[in-house]
Amino acid sequence: MITHEKEKLSEAFPDTYLTFQLNGSDLGFEARWLWEISLSVSVSPLPPSVPYLVGITHLHGKIVPVLDLPALLGLPVFISAPGKGFVAVKPPGGNAPTGFYVDGILGFEKFPKSGEQPQASPDAGLFRRGYADIAGRRVELLDMEWILSSLRLPLPAGTKPTPDIGG
């Protein structure tokens, strides 16, 4: 299990991206959004009431919504067991992370933003800001800020919004 505070991670590792595989695609996002990587978490399923929300889990005293990232990104859906890794990311201004399963963690890759290539067309997919060629493979770069700010997930029953102190 790897846990980081967003500010410390972005200071220690500027221009660093977490890369992972999901439904046959190599994807990545700026590591500053990362809250935790875990090999396994148990997820309590929820009835289909909010699009892209498949359940919740509990990490470090926080209730964490679990997203169906392939559906959100418009990736082909493969019927299989949950992925081999769980990634939790911290929303901007939020006090709780959001998570999703991945098929595998490829690693942390360092390259400057100037190395990013824009998407070829607007039809390339929502929430993608471009791509980069990393270690001989094309990695689609996700705009995690846009993903997280667009979700507006409801708070779990019995919880009240609290300010995110220091984060």
N, C-alpha and C. Protein backbone atom coordinates (compact mmCIF):
# COMPACT_ATOMS: atom_id res chain seq x y z
N MET A 1 0.84 -1.17 0.00
CA MET A 1 0.00 0.00 0.00
C MET A 1 0.89 1.23 0.00
N ILE A 2 0.58 2.20 -0.85
CA ILE A 2 1.33 3.44 -0.92
C ILE A 2 0.36 4.58 -0.64
N THR A 3 0.68 5.41 0.34
CA THR A 3 -0.17 6.55 0.66
C THR A 3 0.69 7.81 0.65
N HIS A 4 0.16 8.87 0.05
CA HIS A 4 0.88 10.13 -0.03
C HIS A 4 -0.09 11.28 0.18
N GLU A 5 0.41 12.37 0.77
CA GLU A 5 -0.33 13.60 0.76
C GLU A 5 -0.05 14.28 -0.57
N LYS A 6 -1.08 14.80 -1.20
CA LYS A 6 -0.96 15.36 -2.55
C LYS A 6 0.12 16.42 -2.65
N GLU A 7 0.19 17.34 -1.67
CA GLU A 7 1.17 18.42 -1.75
C GLU A 7 2.58 17.87 -1.68
N LYS A 8 2.83 16.94 -0.79
CA LYS A 8 4.16 16.37 -0.63
C LYS A 8 4.57 15.62 -1.90
N LEU A 9 3.65 14.91 -2.48
CA LEU A 9 3.96 14.14 -3.68
C LEU A 9 4.31 15.04 -4.85
N SER A 10 3.53 16.10 -5.06
CA SER A 10 3.80 16.98 -6.20
C SER A 10 5.10 17.74 -6.01
N GLU A 11 5.47 18.07 -4.77
CA GLU A 11 6.75 18.73 -4.53
C GLU A 11 7.91 17.77 -4.74
N ALA A 12 7.76 16.56 -4.26
CA ALA A 12 8.85 15.59 -4.34
C ALA A 12 9.03 15.03 -5.75
N PHE A 13 7.94 14.95 -6.51
CA PHE A 13 7.99 14.32 -7.82
C PHE A 13 7.30 15.18 -8.88
N PRO A 14 7.85 16.35 -9.20
CA PRO A 14 7.21 17.16 -10.25
C PRO A 14 7.32 16.45 -11.59
N ASP A 15 6.35 16.70 -12.45
CA ASP A 15 6.32 16.11 -13.79
C ASP A 15 6.29 14.58 -13.74
N THR A 16 5.67 14.03 -12.71
CA THR A 16 5.59 12.58 -12.55
C THR A 16 4.15 12.12 -12.75
N TYR A 17 4.00 11.02 -13.47
CA TYR A 17 2.69 10.48 -13.80
C TYR A 17 2.59 9.04 -13.31
N LEU A 18 1.43 8.68 -12.79
CA LEU A 18 1.15 7.28 -12.50
C LEU A 18 0.58 6.69 -13.78
N THR A 19 1.17 5.59 -14.25
CA THR A 19 0.66 4.94 -15.46
C THR A 19 0.11 3.56 -15.07
N PHE A 20 -0.96 3.18 -15.77
CA PHE A 20 -1.64 1.93 -15.44
C PHE A 20 -2.35 1.40 -16.68
N GLN A 21 -2.77 0.15 -16.61
CA GLN A 21 -3.54 -0.45 -17.69
C GLN A 21 -4.99 -0.61 -17.25
N LEU A 22 -5.87 -0.39 -18.20
CA LEU A 22 -7.30 -0.51 -17.95
C LEU A 22 -7.98 -0.94 -19.24
N ASN A 23 -8.57 -2.11 -19.23
CA ASN A 23 -9.31 -2.64 -20.38
C ASN A 23 -8.51 -2.54 -21.68
N GLY A 24 -7.25 -2.92 -21.61
CA GLY A 24 -6.42 -2.97 -22.80
C GLY A 24 -5.79 -1.65 -23.20
N SER A 25 -6.02 -0.59 -22.44
CA SER A 25 -5.44 0.72 -22.74
C SER A 25 -4.39 1.09 -21.69
N ASP A 26 -3.33 1.76 -22.13
CA ASP A 26 -2.35 2.33 -21.21
C ASP A 26 -2.76 3.76 -20.93
N LEU A 27 -2.99 4.07 -19.66
CA LEU A 27 -3.46 5.38 -19.24
C LEU A 27 -2.55 5.94 -18.17
N GLY A 28 -2.63 7.24 -17.95
CA GLY A 28 -1.85 7.86 -16.89
C GLY A 28 -2.47 9.17 -16.47
N PHE A 29 -2.08 9.62 -15.28
CA PHE A 29 -2.48 10.95 -14.80
C PHE A 29 -1.37 11.49 -13.91
N GLU A 30 -1.40 12.81 -13.70
CA GLU A 30 -0.38 13.44 -12.87
C GLU A 30 -0.44 12.84 -11.46
N ALA A 31 0.72 12.44 -10.97
CA ALA A 31 0.80 11.77 -9.67
C ALA A 31 0.36 12.67 -8.52
N ARG A 32 0.29 13.97 -8.74
CA ARG A 32 -0.13 14.87 -7.65
C ARG A 32 -1.56 14.59 -7.19
N TRP A 33 -2.35 13.92 -8.04
CA TRP A 33 -3.73 13.58 -7.66
C TRP A 33 -3.82 12.29 -6.87
N LEU A 34 -2.75 11.53 -6.82
CA LEU A 34 -2.76 10.22 -6.18
C LEU A 34 -2.91 10.34 -4.67
N TRP A 35 -3.78 9.51 -4.12
CA TRP A 35 -3.92 9.43 -2.67
C TRP A 35 -3.41 8.09 -2.17
N GLU A 36 -3.72 7.01 -2.90
CA GLU A 36 -3.28 5.69 -2.46
C GLU A 36 -3.33 4.69 -3.62
N ILE A 37 -2.43 3.73 -3.57
CA ILE A 37 -2.48 2.55 -4.43
C ILE A 37 -2.57 1.36 -3.50
N SER A 38 -3.50 0.47 -3.78
CA SER A 38 -3.67 -0.72 -2.95
C SER A 38 -3.85 -1.92 -3.87
N LEU A 39 -3.36 -3.06 -3.43
CA LEU A 39 -3.54 -4.27 -4.23
C LEU A 39 -4.97 -4.77 -4.18
N SER A 40 -5.63 -4.55 -3.07
CA SER A 40 -6.97 -5.09 -2.94
C SER A 40 -7.75 -4.29 -1.91
N VAL A 41 -8.98 -4.01 -2.22
CA VAL A 41 -9.92 -3.43 -1.26
C VAL A 41 -11.25 -4.14 -1.46
N SER A 42 -12.02 -4.22 -0.40
CA SER A 42 -13.35 -4.79 -0.55
C SER A 42 -14.32 -3.65 -0.81
N VAL A 43 -15.19 -3.87 -1.77
CA VAL A 43 -16.14 -2.84 -2.19
C VAL A 43 -17.55 -3.32 -1.91
N SER A 44 -18.32 -2.46 -1.28
CA SER A 44 -19.74 -2.74 -1.07
C SER A 44 -20.50 -2.18 -2.26
N PRO A 45 -21.17 -3.04 -3.02
CA PRO A 45 -21.89 -2.54 -4.20
C PRO A 45 -23.07 -1.65 -3.80
N LEU A 46 -23.41 -0.74 -4.67
CA LEU A 46 -24.55 0.15 -4.48
C LEU A 46 -25.54 -0.08 -5.60
N PRO A 47 -26.82 0.17 -5.34
CA PRO A 47 -27.78 0.10 -6.44
C PRO A 47 -27.44 1.15 -7.48
N PRO A 48 -27.75 0.88 -8.74
CA PRO A 48 -27.39 1.83 -9.81
C PRO A 48 -28.22 3.11 -9.74
N SER A 49 -27.76 4.06 -8.92
CA SER A 49 -28.48 5.32 -8.78
C SER A 49 -27.70 6.50 -9.34
N VAL A 50 -26.38 6.43 -9.26
CA VAL A 50 -25.53 7.49 -9.78
C VAL A 50 -24.69 6.90 -10.90
N PRO A 51 -24.72 7.49 -12.09
CA PRO A 51 -23.91 6.94 -13.18
C PRO A 51 -22.44 6.85 -12.78
N TYR A 52 -21.81 5.78 -13.15
CA TYR A 52 -20.38 5.54 -12.94
C TYR A 52 -19.99 5.23 -11.50
N LEU A 53 -20.93 5.21 -10.57
CA LEU A 53 -20.63 4.87 -9.19
C LEU A 53 -21.07 3.42 -8.95
N VAL A 54 -20.11 2.54 -8.67
CA VAL A 54 -20.44 1.12 -8.54
C VAL A 54 -20.46 0.64 -7.10
N GLY A 55 -19.90 1.42 -6.19
CA GLY A 55 -19.88 1.00 -4.80
C GLY A 55 -19.10 1.96 -3.94
N ILE A 56 -18.89 1.53 -2.69
CA ILE A 56 -18.08 2.30 -1.75
C ILE A 56 -17.13 1.36 -1.03
N THR A 57 -16.06 1.92 -0.54
CA THR A 57 -15.13 1.18 0.30
C THR A 57 -14.71 2.10 1.43
N HIS A 58 -13.97 1.56 2.36
CA HIS A 58 -13.54 2.31 3.53
C HIS A 58 -12.02 2.26 3.59
N LEU A 59 -11.37 3.43 3.50
CA LEU A 59 -9.91 3.51 3.56
C LEU A 59 -9.50 4.56 4.58
N HIS A 60 -8.72 4.17 5.55
CA HIS A 60 -8.14 5.10 6.53
C HIS A 60 -9.20 6.00 7.16
N GLY A 61 -10.32 5.42 7.52
CA GLY A 61 -11.37 6.18 8.19
C GLY A 61 -12.24 7.02 7.28
N LYS A 62 -12.09 6.88 5.98
CA LYS A 62 -12.90 7.66 5.04
C LYS A 62 -13.72 6.72 4.17
N ILE A 63 -14.94 7.12 3.89
CA ILE A 63 -15.78 6.40 2.95
C ILE A 63 -15.38 6.85 1.56
N VAL A 64 -15.02 5.90 0.71
CA VAL A 64 -14.48 6.21 -0.61
C VAL A 64 -15.42 5.68 -1.69
N PRO A 65 -16.00 6.57 -2.51
CA PRO A 65 -16.80 6.11 -3.64
C PRO A 65 -15.90 5.38 -4.65
N VAL A 66 -16.43 4.33 -5.26
CA VAL A 66 -15.67 3.55 -6.25
C VAL A 66 -16.32 3.76 -7.61
N LEU A 67 -15.53 4.26 -8.56
CA LEU A 67 -16.02 4.58 -9.89
C LEU A 67 -15.86 3.41 -10.85
N ASP A 68 -16.72 3.39 -11.85
CA ASP A 68 -16.56 2.51 -13.00
C ASP A 68 -15.82 3.34 -14.04
N LEU A 69 -14.49 3.40 -13.92
CA LEU A 69 -13.69 4.25 -14.79
C LEU A 69 -13.80 3.88 -16.26
N PRO A 70 -13.82 2.58 -16.62
CA PRO A 70 -13.99 2.26 -18.05
C PRO A 70 -15.27 2.86 -18.64
N ALA A 71 -16.37 2.78 -17.91
CA ALA A 71 -17.63 3.35 -18.41
C ALA A 71 -17.53 4.87 -18.51
N LEU A 72 -16.92 5.49 -17.52
CA LEU A 72 -16.77 6.94 -17.54
C LEU A 72 -15.94 7.40 -18.73
N LEU A 73 -14.91 6.64 -19.08
CA LEU A 73 -14.02 7.00 -20.18
C LEU A 73 -14.50 6.50 -21.53
N GLY A 74 -15.58 5.72 -21.54
CA GLY A 74 -16.08 5.18 -22.80
C GLY A 74 -15.21 4.06 -23.35
N LEU A 75 -14.52 3.35 -22.47
CA LEU A 75 -13.69 2.22 -22.90
C LEU A 75 -14.56 0.99 -23.08
N PRO A 76 -14.13 0.04 -23.90
CA PRO A 76 -14.87 -1.20 -24.03
C PRO A 76 -14.97 -1.89 -22.67
N VAL A 77 -16.10 -2.48 -22.40
CA VAL A 77 -16.31 -3.15 -21.12
C VAL A 77 -15.98 -4.62 -21.28
N PHE A 78 -15.07 -5.08 -20.44
CA PHE A 78 -14.73 -6.50 -20.41
C PHE A 78 -15.34 -7.09 -19.15
N ILE A 79 -16.05 -8.18 -19.29
CA ILE A 79 -16.62 -8.84 -18.12
C ILE A 79 -15.51 -9.67 -17.49
N SER A 80 -15.08 -9.24 -16.33
CA SER A 80 -14.01 -9.95 -15.64
C SER A 80 -14.07 -9.63 -14.16
N ALA A 81 -13.21 -10.27 -13.42
CA ALA A 81 -13.09 -9.98 -12.00
C ALA A 81 -12.53 -8.57 -11.83
N PRO A 82 -12.70 -7.99 -10.63
CA PRO A 82 -12.12 -6.66 -10.42
C PRO A 82 -10.63 -6.67 -10.73
N GLY A 83 -10.12 -5.51 -11.09
CA GLY A 83 -8.73 -5.38 -11.49
C GLY A 83 -7.73 -5.82 -10.44
N LYS A 84 -6.49 -5.75 -10.81
CA LYS A 84 -5.41 -6.20 -9.93
C LYS A 84 -4.87 -5.09 -9.05
N GLY A 85 -5.46 -3.93 -9.14
CA GLY A 85 -5.03 -2.82 -8.30
C GLY A 85 -6.16 -1.85 -8.09
N PHE A 86 -6.05 -1.08 -7.04
CA PHE A 86 -7.05 -0.07 -6.72
C PHE A 86 -6.31 1.24 -6.52
N VAL A 87 -6.79 2.28 -7.20
CA VAL A 87 -6.16 3.59 -7.12
C VAL A 87 -7.17 4.55 -6.52
N ALA A 88 -6.75 5.29 -5.50
CA ALA A 88 -7.59 6.33 -4.92
C ALA A 88 -6.95 7.67 -5.22
N VAL A 89 -7.78 8.62 -5.66
CA VAL A 89 -7.32 9.96 -5.99
C VAL A 89 -8.09 10.96 -5.14
N LYS A 90 -7.46 12.08 -4.86
CA LYS A 90 -8.07 13.09 -3.99
C LYS A 90 -8.67 14.20 -4.82
N PRO A 91 -9.98 14.44 -4.68
CA PRO A 91 -10.62 15.51 -5.45
C PRO A 91 -10.17 16.89 -5.00
N PRO A 92 -10.21 17.86 -5.92
CA PRO A 92 -9.83 19.22 -5.54
C PRO A 92 -10.81 19.78 -4.53
N GLY A 93 -10.30 20.30 -3.42
CA GLY A 93 -11.15 20.91 -2.42
C GLY A 93 -12.02 19.93 -1.66
N GLY A 94 -11.88 18.64 -1.94
CA GLY A 94 -12.70 17.64 -1.25
C GLY A 94 -12.00 17.12 -0.01
N ASN A 95 -12.76 16.45 0.83
CA ASN A 95 -12.15 15.91 2.03
C ASN A 95 -12.08 14.39 1.99
N ALA A 96 -12.47 13.80 0.90
CA ALA A 96 -12.42 12.34 0.80
C ALA A 96 -12.00 11.96 -0.61
N PRO A 97 -11.24 10.90 -0.72
CA PRO A 97 -10.80 10.44 -2.04
C PRO A 97 -11.91 9.71 -2.79
N THR A 98 -11.66 9.45 -4.05
CA THR A 98 -12.49 8.64 -4.92
C THR A 98 -11.57 7.58 -5.51
N GLY A 99 -12.08 6.37 -5.74
CA GLY A 99 -11.20 5.32 -6.23
C GLY A 99 -11.76 4.58 -7.43
N PHE A 100 -10.88 3.76 -8.03
CA PHE A 100 -11.28 2.93 -9.16
C PHE A 100 -10.31 1.77 -9.28
N TYR A 101 -10.79 0.69 -9.85
CA TYR A 101 -9.95 -0.48 -10.11
C TYR A 101 -9.17 -0.27 -11.40
N VAL A 102 -7.96 -0.83 -11.46
CA VAL A 102 -7.16 -0.86 -12.67
C VAL A 102 -6.70 -2.30 -12.89
N ASP A 103 -6.34 -2.62 -14.12
CA ASP A 103 -5.88 -3.98 -14.41
C ASP A 103 -4.45 -4.20 -13.97
N GLY A 104 -3.69 -3.15 -13.89
CA GLY A 104 -2.31 -3.26 -13.43
C GLY A 104 -1.66 -1.90 -13.38
N ILE A 105 -0.76 -1.74 -12.42
CA ILE A 105 0.02 -0.51 -12.31
C ILE A 105 1.28 -0.69 -13.14
N LEU A 106 1.52 0.23 -14.07
CA LEU A 106 2.73 0.16 -14.89
C LEU A 106 3.90 0.84 -14.19
N GLY A 107 3.64 1.91 -13.45
CA GLY A 107 4.70 2.56 -12.70
C GLY A 107 4.55 4.07 -12.69
N PHE A 108 5.55 4.70 -12.11
CA PHE A 108 5.63 6.15 -12.11
C PHE A 108 6.59 6.56 -13.21
N GLU A 109 6.14 7.46 -14.06
CA GLU A 109 6.95 7.91 -15.19
C GLU A 109 7.17 9.41 -15.06
N LYS A 110 8.38 9.85 -15.28
CA LYS A 110 8.70 11.27 -15.20
C LYS A 110 8.97 11.81 -16.60
N PHE A 111 8.23 12.83 -16.96
CA PHE A 111 8.49 13.54 -18.21
C PHE A 111 7.84 14.91 -18.11
N PRO A 112 8.40 15.91 -18.75
CA PRO A 112 7.85 17.26 -18.66
C PRO A 112 6.54 17.39 -19.43
N LYS A 113 5.71 18.32 -18.98
CA LYS A 113 4.44 18.56 -19.68
C LYS A 113 4.67 18.91 -21.14
N SER A 114 5.83 19.46 -21.45
CA SER A 114 6.11 19.80 -22.84
C SER A 114 6.20 18.55 -23.71
N GLY A 115 6.34 17.37 -23.09
CA GLY A 115 6.39 16.11 -23.83
C GLY A 115 5.03 15.56 -24.18
N GLU A 116 3.97 16.20 -23.68
CA GLU A 116 2.61 15.76 -23.98
C GLU A 116 2.22 16.18 -25.39
N GLN A 117 1.47 15.32 -26.05
CA GLN A 117 0.91 15.62 -27.37
C GLN A 117 -0.60 15.79 -27.20
N PRO A 118 -1.18 16.80 -27.83
CA PRO A 118 -2.64 16.96 -27.71
C PRO A 118 -3.37 15.83 -28.42
N GLN A 119 -4.62 15.64 -28.04
CA GLN A 119 -5.45 14.63 -28.71
C GLN A 119 -5.59 15.01 -30.18
N ALA A 120 -5.66 14.01 -31.02
CA ALA A 120 -5.77 14.24 -32.46
C ALA A 120 -7.09 14.88 -32.84
N SER A 121 -8.16 14.56 -32.10
CA SER A 121 -9.47 15.12 -32.42
C SER A 121 -10.31 15.19 -31.16
N PRO A 122 -11.35 16.02 -31.17
CA PRO A 122 -12.24 16.08 -30.00
C PRO A 122 -12.95 14.75 -29.75
N ASP A 123 -13.03 13.91 -30.76
CA ASP A 123 -13.70 12.61 -30.59
C ASP A 123 -12.81 11.59 -29.91
N ALA A 124 -11.59 11.97 -29.54
CA ALA A 124 -10.65 11.03 -28.93
C ALA A 124 -11.14 10.55 -27.57
N GLY A 125 -12.07 11.24 -26.96
CA GLY A 125 -12.63 10.78 -25.70
C GLY A 125 -12.66 11.87 -24.65
N LEU A 126 -13.72 11.82 -23.87
CA LEU A 126 -13.83 12.76 -22.76
C LEU A 126 -12.77 12.48 -21.73
N PHE A 127 -12.41 13.49 -21.00
CA PHE A 127 -11.50 13.41 -19.88
C PHE A 127 -10.07 13.05 -20.25
N ARG A 128 -9.75 13.06 -21.54
CA ARG A 128 -8.38 12.81 -21.98
C ARG A 128 -7.81 14.15 -22.44
N ARG A 129 -6.61 14.46 -21.98
CA ARG A 129 -6.03 15.74 -22.39
C ARG A 129 -4.95 15.58 -23.43
N GLY A 130 -4.52 14.36 -23.68
CA GLY A 130 -3.49 14.14 -24.68
C GLY A 130 -2.85 12.79 -24.48
N TYR A 131 -1.66 12.64 -25.03
CA TYR A 131 -0.94 11.39 -24.87
C TYR A 131 0.55 11.67 -24.84
N ALA A 132 1.29 10.67 -24.42
CA ALA A 132 2.75 10.75 -24.41
C ALA A 132 3.30 9.39 -24.80
N ASP A 133 4.43 9.40 -25.46
CA ASP A 133 5.12 8.15 -25.76
C ASP A 133 6.11 7.92 -24.63
N ILE A 134 5.87 6.86 -23.87
CA ILE A 134 6.68 6.55 -22.70
C ILE A 134 7.21 5.14 -22.84
N ALA A 135 8.50 5.00 -22.80
CA ALA A 135 9.16 3.68 -22.86
C ALA A 135 8.63 2.86 -24.03
N GLY A 136 8.44 3.52 -25.19
CA GLY A 136 8.03 2.81 -26.38
C GLY A 136 6.55 2.47 -26.46
N ARG A 137 5.74 3.02 -25.59
CA ARG A 137 4.30 2.77 -25.67
C ARG A 137 3.55 4.10 -25.57
N ARG A 138 2.38 4.13 -26.18
CA ARG A 138 1.55 5.34 -26.16
C ARG A 138 0.67 5.29 -24.92
N VAL A 139 0.77 6.32 -24.10
CA VAL A 139 -0.01 6.41 -22.87
C VAL A 139 -0.97 7.58 -23.00
N GLU A 140 -2.26 7.30 -22.89
CA GLU A 140 -3.27 8.36 -22.92
C GLU A 140 -3.29 9.02 -21.55
N LEU A 141 -3.21 10.35 -21.55
CA LEU A 141 -3.15 11.10 -20.30
C LEU A 141 -4.54 11.61 -19.94
N LEU A 142 -4.95 11.27 -18.73
CA LEU A 142 -6.27 11.68 -18.24
C LEU A 142 -6.18 13.02 -17.55
N ASP A 143 -7.23 13.79 -17.68
CA ASP A 143 -7.34 15.06 -16.97
C ASP A 143 -8.08 14.76 -15.67
N MET A 144 -7.33 14.37 -14.65
CA MET A 144 -7.96 13.94 -13.39
C MET A 144 -8.72 15.07 -12.72
N GLU A 145 -8.25 16.29 -12.86
CA GLU A 145 -8.99 17.42 -12.28
C GLU A 145 -10.38 17.52 -12.91
N TRP A 146 -10.47 17.38 -14.22
CA TRP A 146 -11.75 17.45 -14.90
C TRP A 146 -12.64 16.27 -14.50
N ILE A 147 -12.06 15.09 -14.43
CA ILE A 147 -12.83 13.91 -14.02
C ILE A 147 -13.43 14.14 -12.64
N LEU A 148 -12.60 14.51 -11.67
CA LEU A 148 -13.06 14.63 -10.30
C LEU A 148 -14.02 15.79 -10.10
N SER A 149 -13.76 16.92 -10.74
CA SER A 149 -14.65 18.06 -10.54
C SER A 149 -15.99 17.87 -11.25
N SER A 150 -16.05 17.01 -12.24
CA SER A 150 -17.30 16.81 -12.97
C SER A 150 -18.23 15.79 -12.30
N LEU A 151 -17.71 15.01 -11.37
CA LEU A 151 -18.52 13.94 -10.80
C LEU A 151 -19.59 14.42 -9.85
N ARG A 152 -19.25 15.34 -8.98
CA ARG A 152 -20.20 15.85 -7.99
C ARG A 152 -20.96 14.70 -7.32
N LEU A 153 -20.22 13.81 -6.72
CA LEU A 153 -20.82 12.66 -6.08
C LEU A 153 -21.57 13.08 -4.83
N PRO A 154 -22.71 12.44 -4.54
CA PRO A 154 -23.44 12.77 -3.32
C PRO A 154 -22.66 12.29 -2.10
N LEU A 155 -22.83 12.99 -0.99
CA LEU A 155 -22.20 12.56 0.24
C LEU A 155 -22.91 11.33 0.79
N PRO A 156 -22.19 10.40 1.42
CA PRO A 156 -22.83 9.25 2.04
C PRO A 156 -23.80 9.72 3.12
N ALA A 157 -24.87 8.96 3.33
CA ALA A 157 -25.88 9.30 4.32
C ALA A 157 -25.24 9.52 5.68
N GLY A 158 -25.68 10.57 6.36
CA GLY A 158 -25.19 10.84 7.70
C GLY A 158 -23.90 11.64 7.76
N THR A 159 -23.34 12.04 6.62
CA THR A 159 -22.11 12.83 6.64
C THR A 159 -22.42 14.26 6.22
N LYS A 160 -21.63 15.17 6.74
CA LYS A 160 -21.77 16.58 6.39
C LYS A 160 -20.48 17.03 5.72
N PRO A 161 -20.59 17.96 4.78
CA PRO A 161 -19.35 18.46 4.15
C PRO A 161 -18.49 19.16 5.19
N THR A 162 -17.21 18.92 5.12
CA THR A 162 -16.27 19.60 6.01
C THR A 162 -15.17 20.19 5.15
N PRO A 163 -14.63 21.32 5.59
CA PRO A 163 -13.56 21.91 4.79
C PRO A 163 -12.33 21.00 4.79
N ASP A 164 -11.61 21.01 3.70
CA ASP A 164 -10.38 20.23 3.58
C ASP A 164 -9.24 21.10 4.09
N ILE A 165 -8.88 20.90 5.31
CA ILE A 165 -7.86 21.72 5.94
C ILE A 165 -6.50 21.31 5.43
N GLY A 166 -5.79 22.26 4.87
CA GLY A 166 -4.44 22.01 4.41
C GLY A 166 -4.36 21.23 3.11
N GLY A 167 -5.45 21.01 2.41
CA GLY A 167 -5.32 20.21 1.22
C GLY A 167 -6.09 20.68 0.09
